C-alpha cells in the first residue's frame, strides 16, 4: 500500500491518483474466490469491482493511519 501511495504522489505526471490506482489494483488486492465461483458477469461484476475500488481507495488515502 505504501508503494501505491508513492505512485499516487506522482499523479501530476502519470494521472494515476488514488482513485485510478484503486480501480486498477482492487480486483487483485481484494480477490474473492466465492465471487469468482458464482460467475458474476455484467452489472453484478461491475458493482463488485466498484465496491472493491472504493475500499482500496479508502485504504490508500488513509495508509498512515492504518499502517
Protein backbone atom coordinates (compact mmCIF):
# COMPACT_ATOMS: atom_id res chain seq x y z
CA UNK A 1 0.00 0.00 0.00
CA UNK A 2 2.83 2.39 0.74
CA UNK A 3 4.22 1.73 -2.73
CA UNK A 4 0.87 2.57 -4.31
CA UNK A 5 0.75 5.70 -2.17
CA UNK A 6 4.17 6.69 -3.55
CA UNK A 7 2.83 6.09 -7.06
CA UNK A 8 -0.16 8.34 -6.30
CA UNK A 9 2.32 11.02 -5.26
CA UNK A 10 3.38 11.25 -8.92
CA UNK A 11 -0.19 11.67 -10.17
CA UNK A 12 0.51 15.09 -11.64
CA UNK A 13 2.73 13.37 -14.22
CA UNK A 14 1.06 9.97 -14.50
CA UNK A 15 -2.62 10.75 -13.80
CA UNK A 16 -2.61 7.69 -11.54
CA UNK A 17 -4.06 9.21 -8.41
CA UNK A 18 -5.52 7.09 -5.59
CA UNK A 19 -8.84 6.53 -7.37
CA UNK A 20 -7.26 5.31 -10.62
CA UNK A 21 -4.80 3.10 -8.75
CA UNK A 22 -7.68 1.66 -6.74
CA UNK A 23 -9.65 0.85 -9.89
CA UNK A 24 -6.67 -0.95 -11.40
CA UNK A 25 -5.46 -2.79 -8.28
CA UNK A 26 -8.68 -3.54 -6.37
CA UNK A 27 -9.66 -6.71 -8.24
CA UNK A 28 -6.26 -8.22 -7.46
CA UNK A 29 -5.92 -6.99 -3.90
CA UNK A 30 -9.45 -7.95 -2.84
CA UNK A 31 -9.97 -11.03 -4.95
CA UNK A 32 -12.79 -13.28 -3.78
CA UNK A 33 -12.97 -16.93 -4.78
CA UNK A 34 -16.64 -17.03 -3.78
CA UNK A 35 -17.45 -14.24 -6.21
CA UNK A 36 -15.46 -15.88 -8.97
CA UNK A 37 -17.18 -19.22 -8.30
CA UNK A 38 -20.59 -17.54 -8.52
CA UNK A 39 -19.69 -16.45 -12.05
CA UNK A 40 -20.63 -12.79 -11.69
CA UNK A 41 -20.93 -11.05 -15.02
CA UNK A 42 -22.33 -7.85 -16.40
CA UNK A 43 -23.79 -5.47 -13.83
CA UNK A 44 -23.05 -7.68 -10.82
CA UNK A 45 -19.36 -7.88 -11.73
CA UNK A 46 -19.19 -4.13 -12.28
CA UNK A 47 -20.78 -3.44 -8.88
CA UNK A 48 -18.37 -5.79 -7.15
CA UNK A 49 -15.34 -4.09 -8.72
CA UNK A 50 -16.83 -0.72 -7.74
CA UNK A 51 -17.08 -1.75 -4.08
CA UNK A 52 -13.56 -3.18 -4.15
CA UNK A 53 -12.15 0.02 -5.65
CA UNK A 54 -13.88 2.18 -3.03
CA UNK A 55 -12.31 0.08 -0.26
CA UNK A 56 -8.84 0.22 -1.82
CA UNK A 57 -9.13 3.98 -2.39
CA UNK A 58 -10.07 4.44 1.27
CA UNK A 59 -7.07 2.38 2.35
CA UNK A 60 -4.76 4.37 0.07
CA UNK A 61 -5.99 7.69 1.39
CA UNK A 62 -5.52 6.52 4.99
CA UNK A 63 -2.30 4.49 4.76
CA UNK A 64 -0.56 6.41 7.52
CA UNK A 65 -3.42 5.90 9.97
CA UNK A 66 -3.98 2.23 9.09
CA UNK A 67 -0.39 1.01 8.87
